């Protein structure tokens, strides 16, 4: 009998894993919380609102269409969209030792369909989301993450503002700026925090190795052309250190930074805007991997072997949860993980592409990684946790007054990270600021803000329905049953 594979995430890594598993003869269930496949990278409007020019807004659109048609058209693939994996727990009955809890239905409606899946193997391709460092005024309406701005541009054709600044660090700022400009907004500047010297050193080390990723040069040239067409200034060693306004953002202050990202006094410049899009890094979505028992390394990525298998047998990981590397690396890792989960040998071409783009990905933190001086643009009133409205001063003062060292106790005392997003936006920042206040390099309780046993909020009524159904089944087993009718001579 063919193996039953569960793939969580229908972005590039998840689609590639599904294709490879199907090629190996497996049965696949592909799960994603969105209404369409493609993930954040190939985010697009619904079919009824699409247009013939849609391919121009995406890289690798032909590849996406081929993957989408394959998984949707194969009878051995069950595609579950609008479905959230809200928990993973040990289960000795499951072939892979884990039970995966799935809720299908609109997130804002009652009566979700609750299921428990027990796959032969599991592929985690849950991706990552923006990490935005806080700055005074970042809670104002009109301040977006880069990912949100791009999603609105690609998926809804929505312009976030008329006068926009894009700021933060990393190559992701380039497609964000092009997407925003494509909606008709005027992008006043792209502010990259890293200085040109650091960027050059990070990308120019062992340049011959970049020959294996020559396709990226074509992407870069495309962005350069778009910047020239839209007349978008690109400024290095510069960042947004404050947003200003009353009911919404009305202006931002840009400042030059030193090598450690400390603002240089006297370089501040205030410009009028009605939107600002900021992304400094990415945070991998580790909730499900941690719940499954996978080991996470010191960089906060899932540890995998050459076959993309985690430290939990039968559980594989691919894409941004193993390291931020872009779509090419995600596709290669997904193909390897899907084949291995199905019990087949990974494609050699995928293995070669993984090696090439792993090296490419390593250049990103070298050239654009966050530096510690960003704390200098904070003041005591800067909000860290926007959900619970916890400021930097309150966070630091509470940590000092309570002499707290454990993350759990400090979160309970300050409320930081306990809001609606459960620390997804502020978690890493809260950890760093609390460690600064305590003078330690890690928390003694070894806690982290990525641990969320309930990965997606569920309604109490839907959770109660699981118990009611189990009780009904148990009661049915206990009730006496009429003997079956027989015909002929009793035996």
Protein backbone atom coordinates (compact mmCIF):
# COMPACT_ATOMS: atom_id res chain seq x y z
CA UNK A 1 0.00 0.00 0.00
CA UNK A 2 1.28 3.49 -0.86
CA UNK A 3 2.33 5.74 1.99
CA UNK A 4 0.03 8.50 3.19
CA UNK A 5 1.90 11.82 3.43
CA UNK A 6 0.58 14.96 5.10
CA UNK A 7 2.10 18.21 3.81
CA UNK A 8 1.39 21.34 5.87
CA UNK A 9 1.78 24.50 3.80
CA UNK A 10 0.95 25.08 0.12
CA UNK A 11 3.69 27.58 -0.63
CA UNK A 12 6.69 26.77 -2.87
CA UNK A 13 8.21 24.21 -0.47
CA UNK A 14 4.90 22.49 0.23
CA UNK A 15 3.88 22.33 -3.44
CA UNK A 16 7.28 20.92 -4.43
CA UNK A 17 7.08 18.34 -1.63
CA UNK A 18 3.62 17.29 -2.75
CA UNK A 19 4.72 16.91 -6.36
CA UNK A 20 7.75 14.81 -5.39
CA UNK A 21 5.71 12.57 -3.08
CA UNK A 22 3.12 12.00 -5.81
CA UNK A 23 5.90 11.18 -8.29
CA UNK A 24 7.09 8.55 -5.80
CA UNK A 25 3.65 6.93 -5.71
CA UNK A 26 2.43 8.24 -2.35
CA UNK A 27 -1.00 9.49 -1.40
CA UNK A 28 -0.81 13.11 -0.23
CA UNK A 29 -3.01 15.39 1.83
CA UNK A 30 -1.97 19.02 1.30
CA UNK A 31 -3.21 21.48 3.94
CA UNK A 32 -3.10 25.27 3.93
CA UNK A 33 -5.01 27.96 5.81
CA UNK A 34 -5.38 30.19 2.73
CA UNK A 35 -8.11 29.89 0.12
CA UNK A 36 -5.60 29.46 -2.70
CA UNK A 37 -2.34 27.60 -3.18
CA UNK A 38 0.93 29.48 -3.67
CA UNK A 39 1.71 30.71 -0.18
CA UNK A 40 3.05 34.18 0.47
CA UNK A 41 5.42 34.07 -2.49
CA UNK A 42 2.83 33.25 -5.16
CA UNK A 43 0.02 35.20 -3.54
CA UNK A 44 -2.57 36.17 -6.13
CA UNK A 45 -6.19 37.30 -6.35
CA UNK A 46 -9.04 34.78 -6.67
CA UNK A 47 -9.72 33.45 -10.16
CA UNK A 48 -12.79 35.64 -10.55
CA UNK A 49 -10.62 38.74 -10.03
CA UNK A 50 -7.51 37.64 -11.89
CA UNK A 51 -6.31 39.07 -15.17
CA UNK A 52 -4.10 38.11 -18.07
CA UNK A 53 -1.27 40.33 -16.82
CA UNK A 54 -0.98 38.55 -13.48
CA UNK A 55 2.19 36.67 -14.47
CA UNK A 56 4.09 39.96 -14.71
CA UNK A 57 3.84 40.42 -10.94
CA UNK A 58 5.49 37.08 -10.11
CA UNK A 59 8.78 35.30 -10.59
CA UNK A 60 8.48 31.68 -11.65
CA UNK A 61 4.77 31.93 -12.45
CA UNK A 62 4.99 29.12 -15.02
CA UNK A 63 6.49 26.87 -12.37
CA UNK A 64 3.68 27.72 -9.99
CA UNK A 65 1.00 26.92 -12.56
CA UNK A 66 2.60 23.54 -13.26
CA UNK A 67 2.75 22.70 -9.55
CA UNK A 68 -0.80 23.89 -8.94
CA UNK A 69 -2.24 21.91 -11.83
CA UNK A 70 -0.36 18.80 -10.77
CA UNK A 71 -1.56 18.76 -7.16
CA UNK A 72 -5.11 19.80 -8.02
CA UNK A 73 -5.40 17.32 -10.87
CA UNK A 74 -3.94 14.18 -9.28
CA UNK A 75 -6.61 11.87 -7.78
CA UNK A 76 -4.10 10.73 -5.15
CA UNK A 77 -3.84 14.26 -3.77
CA UNK A 78 -6.42 15.67 -1.36
CA UNK A 79 -6.00 19.47 -1.26
CA UNK A 80 -7.50 21.01 1.89
CA UNK A 81 -7.61 24.80 1.70
CA UNK A 82 -9.05 27.04 4.39
CA UNK A 83 -7.84 24.43 6.86
CA UNK A 84 -5.74 25.23 9.95
CA UNK A 85 -3.50 22.78 11.79
CA UNK A 86 -4.06 23.99 15.32
CA UNK A 87 -2.18 21.33 17.30
CA UNK A 88 0.17 18.36 16.97
CA UNK A 89 0.54 15.86 19.80
CA UNK A 90 2.07 12.42 20.41
CA UNK A 91 -0.13 9.49 19.37
CA UNK A 92 1.12 5.90 19.68
CA UNK A 93 -1.56 4.73 17.24
CA UNK A 94 -0.32 6.98 14.44
CA UNK A 95 2.25 5.49 12.02
CA UNK A 96 4.51 8.52 12.50
CA UNK A 97 3.80 8.71 16.23
CA UNK A 98 1.91 11.99 15.96
CA UNK A 99 -1.70 13.11 15.67
CA UNK A 100 -2.36 16.24 13.66
CA UNK A 101 -5.45 18.23 14.62
CA UNK A 102 -7.13 20.05 11.75
CA UNK A 103 -9.91 22.64 11.72
CA UNK A 104 -11.58 23.45 8.41
CA UNK A 105 -13.86 26.44 7.96
CA UNK A 106 -13.88 30.22 8.02
CA UNK A 107 -11.75 31.54 10.86
CA UNK A 108 -14.46 34.02 11.87
CA UNK A 109 -17.35 31.52 11.80
CA UNK A 110 -18.63 28.85 14.16
CA UNK A 111 -18.89 25.15 13.46
CA UNK A 112 -15.44 24.35 12.09
CA UNK A 113 -14.95 20.78 10.91
CA UNK A 114 -12.55 19.24 13.45
CA UNK A 115 -10.45 16.24 12.39
CA UNK A 116 -7.55 14.20 13.67
CA UNK A 117 -5.12 12.93 11.02
CA UNK A 118 -2.58 10.13 11.51
CA UNK A 119 -0.23 10.18 8.50
CA UNK A 120 2.59 7.78 7.68
CA UNK A 121 4.92 10.78 7.33
CA UNK A 122 4.65 14.51 7.84
CA UNK A 123 6.24 17.36 5.85
CA UNK A 124 6.31 20.75 7.57
CA UNK A 125 6.49 23.68 5.13
CA UNK A 126 4.98 26.41 7.29
CA UNK A 127 7.16 29.29 6.06
CA UNK A 128 7.98 32.52 7.87
CA UNK A 129 6.61 35.99 8.50
CA UNK A 130 8.13 39.47 8.69
CA UNK A 131 10.08 40.59 11.71
CA UNK A 132 9.79 44.33 12.23
CA UNK A 133 11.92 46.01 14.90
CA UNK A 134 9.91 48.51 16.96
CA UNK A 135 10.39 52.26 16.68
CA UNK A 136 8.44 55.21 18.12
CA UNK A 137 5.10 55.46 16.33
CA UNK A 138 5.14 52.03 14.67
CA UNK A 139 1.67 51.33 16.11
CA UNK A 140 0.09 54.07 13.97
CA UNK A 141 -2.35 53.12 11.20
CA UNK A 142 -0.47 53.33 7.92
CA UNK A 143 2.58 51.43 9.21
CA UNK A 144 2.70 48.06 7.44
CA UNK A 145 5.09 45.17 7.31
CA UNK A 146 6.61 44.65 3.91
CA UNK A 147 4.83 41.32 3.60
CA UNK A 148 1.44 42.89 4.33
CA UNK A 149 1.99 45.63 1.75
CA UNK A 150 3.03 43.10 -0.87
CA UNK A 151 0.07 40.84 -0.04
CA UNK A 152 -2.34 43.74 -0.48
CA UNK A 153 -0.70 44.67 -3.78
CA UNK A 154 -0.61 41.14 -5.20
CA UNK A 155 -3.73 39.61 -3.70
CA UNK A 156 -6.11 42.57 -3.59
CA UNK A 157 -4.60 45.20 -5.93
CA UNK A 158 -4.77 47.62 -3.00
CA UNK A 159 -2.49 50.66 -2.72
CA UNK A 160 -1.35 51.18 0.88
CA UNK A 161 -0.83 54.91 0.33
CA UNK A 162 0.08 57.62 -2.14
CA UNK A 163 3.46 58.59 -0.65
CA UNK A 164 5.27 55.55 0.72
CA UNK A 165 8.65 54.78 2.28
CA UNK A 166 9.98 51.20 2.26
CA UNK A 167 12.52 50.52 5.03
CA UNK A 168 14.35 47.74 6.84
CA UNK A 169 17.00 45.34 5.60
CA UNK A 170 17.53 42.61 3.05
CA UNK A 171 16.69 41.75 -0.57
CA UNK A 172 12.99 41.50 0.26
CA UNK A 173 12.76 45.30 0.20
CA UNK A 174 13.22 45.22 -3.59
CA UNK A 175 10.10 43.20 -4.54
CA UNK A 176 8.07 45.05 -1.91
CA UNK A 177 8.99 48.39 -3.46
CA UNK A 178 8.21 47.17 -6.98
CA UNK A 179 4.84 45.70 -5.89
CA UNK A 180 3.85 48.89 -4.08
CA UNK A 181 4.93 51.08 -6.99
CA UNK A 182 2.96 48.84 -9.32
CA UNK A 183 -0.27 49.84 -7.55
CA UNK A 184 0.31 53.49 -8.46
CA UNK A 185 1.90 54.62 -5.21
CA UNK A 186 4.91 56.92 -5.25
CA UNK A 187 7.77 55.21 -3.41
CA UNK A 188 9.79 58.09 -1.98
CA UNK A 189 12.71 55.94 -0.88
CA UNK A 190 13.88 52.44 -0.07
CA UNK A 191 15.97 52.69 3.10
CA UNK A 192 18.33 49.74 3.63
CA UNK A 193 19.84 49.68 7.14
CA UNK A 194 23.11 47.99 6.20
CA UNK A 195 25.88 50.18 4.82
CA UNK A 196 27.11 49.68 1.29
CA UNK A 197 30.47 48.34 2.50
CA UNK A 198 28.89 45.57 4.53
CA UNK A 199 26.52 44.69 1.70
CA UNK A 200 29.43 44.46 -0.73
CA UNK A 201 31.49 42.28 1.61
CA UNK A 202 28.58 39.96 2.30
CA UNK A 203 27.69 39.39 -1.34
CA UNK A 204 31.17 39.47 -2.90
CA UNK A 205 32.83 36.78 -0.75
CA UNK A 206 33.91 33.87 -3.01
CA UNK A 207 32.08 35.36 -5.99
CA UNK A 208 32.62 32.30 -8.22
CA UNK A 209 30.06 30.41 -6.14
CA UNK A 210 27.38 32.83 -7.28
CA UNK A 211 27.72 31.39 -10.80
CA UNK A 212 25.59 28.45 -9.64
CA UNK A 213 22.76 30.86 -8.85
CA UNK A 214 22.96 32.94 -12.02
CA UNK A 215 19.15 33.13 -12.25
CA UNK A 216 19.23 35.58 -9.33
CA UNK A 217 21.19 38.04 -11.47
CA UNK A 218 18.25 38.20 -13.87
CA UNK A 219 15.89 38.96 -10.97
CA UNK A 220 18.19 41.72 -9.74
CA UNK A 221 18.34 43.31 -13.18
CA UNK A 222 14.55 43.23 -13.31
CA UNK A 223 14.35 45.09 -10.00
CA UNK A 224 16.94 47.63 -11.12
CA UNK A 225 14.90 48.30 -14.24
CA UNK A 226 11.71 48.73 -12.20
CA UNK A 227 13.49 51.12 -9.79
CA UNK A 228 14.64 53.22 -12.75
CA UNK A 229 11.18 53.26 -14.35
CA UNK A 230 9.48 54.31 -11.13
CA UNK A 231 12.38 56.59 -10.09
CA UNK A 232 12.75 54.95 -6.69
CA UNK A 233 15.79 56.13 -4.65
CA UNK A 234 17.72 53.35 -2.87
CA UNK A 235 19.59 54.54 0.24
CA UNK A 236 21.96 52.33 2.23
CA UNK A 237 22.93 52.76 5.87
CA UNK A 238 19.57 54.44 6.47
CA UNK A 239 16.46 53.42 8.40
CA UNK A 240 13.16 54.75 9.73
CA UNK A 241 13.70 55.58 13.41
CA UNK A 242 10.27 57.12 14.09
CA UNK A 243 6.80 57.53 12.62
CA UNK A 244 4.69 60.61 13.37
CA UNK A 245 0.98 61.35 13.26
CA UNK A 246 -2.24 61.46 15.27
CA UNK A 247 -4.93 59.26 13.75
CA UNK A 248 -2.51 57.74 11.20
CA UNK A 249 1.05 58.11 10.02
CA UNK A 250 1.76 61.51 8.51
CA UNK A 251 5.57 61.57 8.42
CA UNK A 252 8.64 59.50 9.21
CA UNK A 253 12.11 60.34 10.40
CA UNK A 254 14.97 58.73 8.51
CA UNK A 255 18.47 58.62 9.97
CA UNK A 256 21.88 57.41 8.90
CA UNK A 257 23.29 54.47 10.87
CA UNK A 258 26.75 53.38 11.90
CA UNK A 259 28.05 49.85 11.33
CA UNK A 260 26.14 48.53 14.37
CA UNK A 261 22.88 50.26 13.32
CA UNK A 262 23.13 53.09 15.87
CA UNK A 263 21.62 56.33 14.57
CA UNK A 264 24.21 58.99 13.77
CA UNK A 265 23.32 62.24 15.58
CA UNK A 266 22.54 65.10 13.24
CA UNK A 267 21.60 62.91 10.26
CA UNK A 268 17.85 62.83 10.97
CA UNK A 269 15.55 63.87 8.14
CA UNK A 270 11.76 64.10 8.38
CA UNK A 271 9.61 63.55 5.30
CA UNK A 272 5.85 63.55 4.79
CA UNK A 273 4.26 60.15 3.98
CA UNK A 274 0.91 58.48 4.32
CA UNK A 275 2.29 54.92 4.57
CA UNK A 276 5.51 53.19 5.55
CA UNK A 277 6.38 49.52 4.99
CA UNK A 278 9.05 48.04 7.27
CA UNK A 279 10.70 44.60 7.38
CA UNK A 280 14.07 43.97 9.02
CA UNK A 281 14.16 40.15 8.93
CA UNK A 282 11.95 37.05 8.96
CA UNK A 283 10.76 34.82 11.79
CA UNK A 284 10.19 31.15 10.89
CA UNK A 285 6.85 29.70 11.95
CA UNK A 286 8.06 27.06 14.38
CA UNK A 287 4.92 26.34 16.45
CA UNK A 288 4.10 23.03 14.75
CA UNK A 289 7.70 21.88 14.50
CA UNK A 290 8.20 22.47 18.22
CA UNK A 291 4.91 20.73 19.01
CA UNK A 292 6.07 17.73 16.97
CA UNK A 293 9.25 17.56 19.06
CA UNK A 294 11.70 18.70 16.36
CA UNK A 295 15.04 20.08 17.50
CA UNK A 296 15.62 23.77 16.81
CA UNK A 297 19.19 25.09 16.56
CA UNK A 298 20.69 28.19 18.16
CA UNK A 299 19.73 30.29 15.12
CA UNK A 300 16.10 29.25 15.74
CA UNK A 301 15.69 27.04 12.64
CA UNK A 302 14.57 23.42 12.46
CA UNK A 303 17.47 20.95 12.31
CA UNK A 304 17.32 18.57 9.32
CA UNK A 305 19.61 15.98 7.74
CA UNK A 306 20.53 15.46 4.07
CA UNK A 307 17.03 14.08 3.38
CA UNK A 308 15.32 17.03 5.11
CA UNK A 309 14.28 14.71 7.94
CA UNK A 310 14.09 16.33 11.36
CA UNK A 311 15.25 14.77 14.60
CA UNK A 312 11.77 13.17 14.84
CA UNK A 313 11.62 10.07 12.59
CA UNK A 314 9.01 10.43 9.88
CA UNK A 315 8.80 14.22 10.19
CA UNK A 316 10.43 16.31 7.45
CA UNK A 317 10.86 20.07 7.11
CA UNK A 318 11.46 22.31 4.11
CA UNK A 319 11.53 25.99 3.25
CA UNK A 320 11.97 28.97 5.52
CA UNK A 321 11.64 27.03 8.79
CA UNK A 322 15.03 25.43 8.07
CA UNK A 323 16.66 28.75 7.10
CA UNK A 324 15.65 31.93 5.26
CA UNK A 325 16.77 31.28 1.71
CA UNK A 326 14.16 32.32 -0.84
CA UNK A 327 12.00 30.47 -3.32
CA UNK A 328 14.71 28.49 -5.15
CA UNK A 329 16.00 26.93 -1.96
CA UNK A 330 12.46 26.26 -0.75
CA UNK A 331 11.59 24.45 -3.99
CA UNK A 332 14.72 22.30 -3.80
CA UNK A 333 14.22 21.40 -0.14
CA UNK A 334 10.55 20.64 -0.75
CA UNK A 335 11.35 18.27 -3.59
CA UNK A 336 13.89 16.43 -1.42
CA UNK A 337 11.57 16.25 1.60
CA UNK A 338 8.58 15.00 -0.41
CA UNK A 339 10.55 12.21 -2.07
CA UNK A 340 12.18 11.14 1.20
CA UNK A 341 8.84 11.15 3.05
CA UNK A 342 7.45 8.84 0.37
CA UNK A 343 10.38 6.46 0.81
CA UNK A 344 12.11 7.36 -2.47
CA UNK A 345 15.54 8.70 -3.30
CA UNK A 346 15.58 12.49 -3.74
CA UNK A 347 16.15 13.88 -7.21
CA UNK A 348 19.84 14.61 -7.76
CA UNK A 349 19.12 17.89 -9.52
CA UNK A 350 17.19 19.06 -6.46
CA UNK A 351 20.13 18.12 -4.24
CA UNK A 352 22.48 20.18 -6.42
CA UNK A 353 20.12 23.15 -6.38
CA UNK A 354 19.86 22.94 -2.61
CA UNK A 355 23.64 23.06 -2.26
CA UNK A 356 23.89 26.08 -4.57
CA UNK A 357 21.13 28.10 -2.98
CA UNK A 358 22.13 27.23 0.58
CA UNK A 359 25.36 29.08 -0.12
CA UNK A 360 23.40 31.96 -1.62
CA UNK A 361 21.17 32.13 1.47
CA UNK A 362 24.17 32.32 3.80
CA UNK A 363 25.11 35.66 2.24
CA UNK A 364 21.87 37.32 3.34
CA UNK A 365 22.61 37.56 7.10
CA UNK A 366 26.24 38.40 6.33
CA UNK A 367 25.15 41.39 4.25
CA UNK A 368 21.87 42.41 5.91
CA UNK A 369 21.61 40.74 9.33
CA UNK A 370 20.25 42.75 12.27
CA UNK A 371 22.90 44.56 14.32
CA UNK A 372 22.53 45.34 18.07
CA UNK A 373 22.57 49.14 17.78
CA UNK A 374 18.88 49.24 16.82
CA UNK A 375 18.01 49.48 20.52
CA UNK A 376 19.39 53.03 20.51
CA UNK A 377 16.45 54.39 18.50
CA UNK A 378 13.98 53.22 21.18
CA UNK A 379 12.69 55.42 23.97
CA UNK A 380 10.78 54.41 27.11
CA UNK A 381 7.42 55.16 25.47
CA UNK A 382 8.08 53.01 22.39
CA UNK A 383 5.61 50.15 22.34
CA UNK A 384 7.17 46.70 22.15
CA UNK A 385 4.01 44.60 22.40
CA UNK A 386 1.33 46.43 20.44
CA UNK A 387 -1.43 43.96 21.38
CA UNK A 388 -1.01 44.58 25.13
CA UNK A 389 0.42 48.12 24.75
CA UNK A 390 3.59 47.34 26.69
CA UNK A 391 6.32 49.96 26.31
CA UNK A 392 10.09 49.57 26.42
CA UNK A 393 10.37 51.43 29.74
CA UNK A 394 7.75 49.30 31.44
CA UNK A 395 9.32 46.10 30.14
CA UNK A 396 12.79 47.00 31.35
CA UNK A 397 11.60 48.43 34.69
CA UNK A 398 9.49 45.38 35.51
CA UNK A 399 12.37 43.05 34.73
CA UNK A 400 14.66 45.10 37.01
CA UNK A 401 12.16 45.50 39.87
CA UNK A 402 11.15 41.84 40.01
CA UNK A 403 14.68 40.58 39.41
CA UNK A 404 12.93 38.16 37.07
CA UNK A 405 14.97 35.88 34.89
CA UNK A 406 12.46 33.36 33.54
CA UNK A 407 10.67 34.28 30.33
CA UNK A 408 7.33 32.84 31.44
CA UNK A 409 7.21 34.84 34.66
CA UNK A 410 8.33 38.03 32.90
CA UNK A 411 5.66 37.62 30.24
CA UNK A 412 2.99 37.12 32.89
CA UNK A 413 4.21 40.13 34.85
CA UNK A 414 4.50 42.53 31.92
CA UNK A 415 1.83 41.00 29.61
CA UNK A 416 4.27 41.36 26.70
CA UNK A 417 3.67 38.66 24.11
CA UNK A 418 0.31 37.58 25.56
CA UNK A 419 -1.95 39.44 23.14
CA UNK A 420 -3.92 38.30 20.14
CA UNK A 421 -0.86 37.49 18.02
CA UNK A 422 0.66 35.45 20.88
CA UNK A 423 4.07 37.03 20.39
CA UNK A 424 4.39 36.39 16.67
CA UNK A 425 5.11 40.08 16.00
CA UNK A 426 7.00 41.07 19.15
CA UNK A 427 8.28 37.75 20.55
CA UNK A 428 11.89 37.86 19.40
CA UNK A 429 12.18 41.54 20.36
CA UNK A 430 10.70 40.92 23.82
CA UNK A 431 13.21 38.13 24.38
CA UNK A 432 16.18 40.29 23.36
CA UNK A 433 15.16 43.26 25.50
CA UNK A 434 14.49 41.10 28.56
CA UNK A 435 17.84 39.35 28.18
CA UNK A 436 19.50 42.78 27.91
CA UNK A 437 17.80 43.84 31.15
CA UNK A 438 18.85 40.69 32.99
CA UNK A 439 22.38 40.62 31.59
CA UNK A 440 21.98 36.94 30.68
CA UNK A 441 22.49 35.24 27.33
CA UNK A 442 19.52 32.89 27.75
CA UNK A 443 16.54 32.32 30.01
CA UNK A 444 17.03 29.81 32.84
CA UNK A 445 13.64 28.23 32.13
CA UNK A 446 14.79 27.68 28.49
CA UNK A 447 11.46 29.10 27.36
CA UNK A 448 10.88 30.79 24.02
CA UNK A 449 8.09 32.73 22.39
CA UNK A 450 7.84 30.21 19.53
CA UNK A 451 6.26 27.57 21.78
CA UNK A 452 2.49 27.70 21.27
CA UNK A 453 0.70 24.39 21.98
CA UNK A 454 -2.43 25.86 20.39
CA UNK A 455 -0.91 27.08 17.14
CA UNK A 456 -4.11 28.71 15.85
CA UNK A 457 -6.89 30.06 18.11
CA UNK A 458 -10.00 27.87 18.14
CA UNK A 459 -13.51 28.56 19.40
CA UNK A 460 -14.41 26.86 22.67
CA UNK A 461 -17.58 25.48 21.12
CA UNK A 462 -15.62 23.76 18.34
CA UNK A 463 -13.18 22.27 20.88
CA UNK A 464 -16.09 21.11 23.03
CA UNK A 465 -17.64 19.40 20.00
CA UNK A 466 -14.60 17.11 19.83
CA UNK A 467 -15.24 15.94 23.39
CA UNK A 468 -18.97 15.54 22.77
CA UNK A 469 -18.39 13.39 19.71
CA UNK A 470 -15.92 11.21 21.63
CA UNK A 471 -18.42 10.84 24.49
CA UNK A 472 -21.18 9.92 22.04
CA UNK A 473 -19.01 7.22 20.48
CA UNK A 474 -18.08 5.84 23.88
CA UNK A 475 -21.72 5.81 25.01
CA UNK A 476 -22.76 4.05 21.82
CA UNK A 477 -20.20 1.33 22.49
CA UNK A 478 -21.58 0.82 26.03
CA UNK A 479 -25.27 0.64 25.12
CA UNK A 480 -26.78 -2.84 24.56
CA UNK A 481 -27.52 -3.73 20.97
CA UNK A 482 -30.24 -6.00 19.62
CA UNK A 483 -28.79 -9.27 18.37
CA UNK A 484 -28.58 -9.52 14.62
CA UNK A 485 -31.47 -11.22 12.88
CA UNK A 486 -30.74 -14.74 11.76
CA UNK A 487 -32.45 -17.02 9.33
CA UNK A 488 -32.56 -20.76 9.28
CA UNK A 489 -31.42 -23.11 11.96
CA UNK A 490 -29.85 -21.65 15.09
CA UNK A 491 -26.17 -22.41 15.43
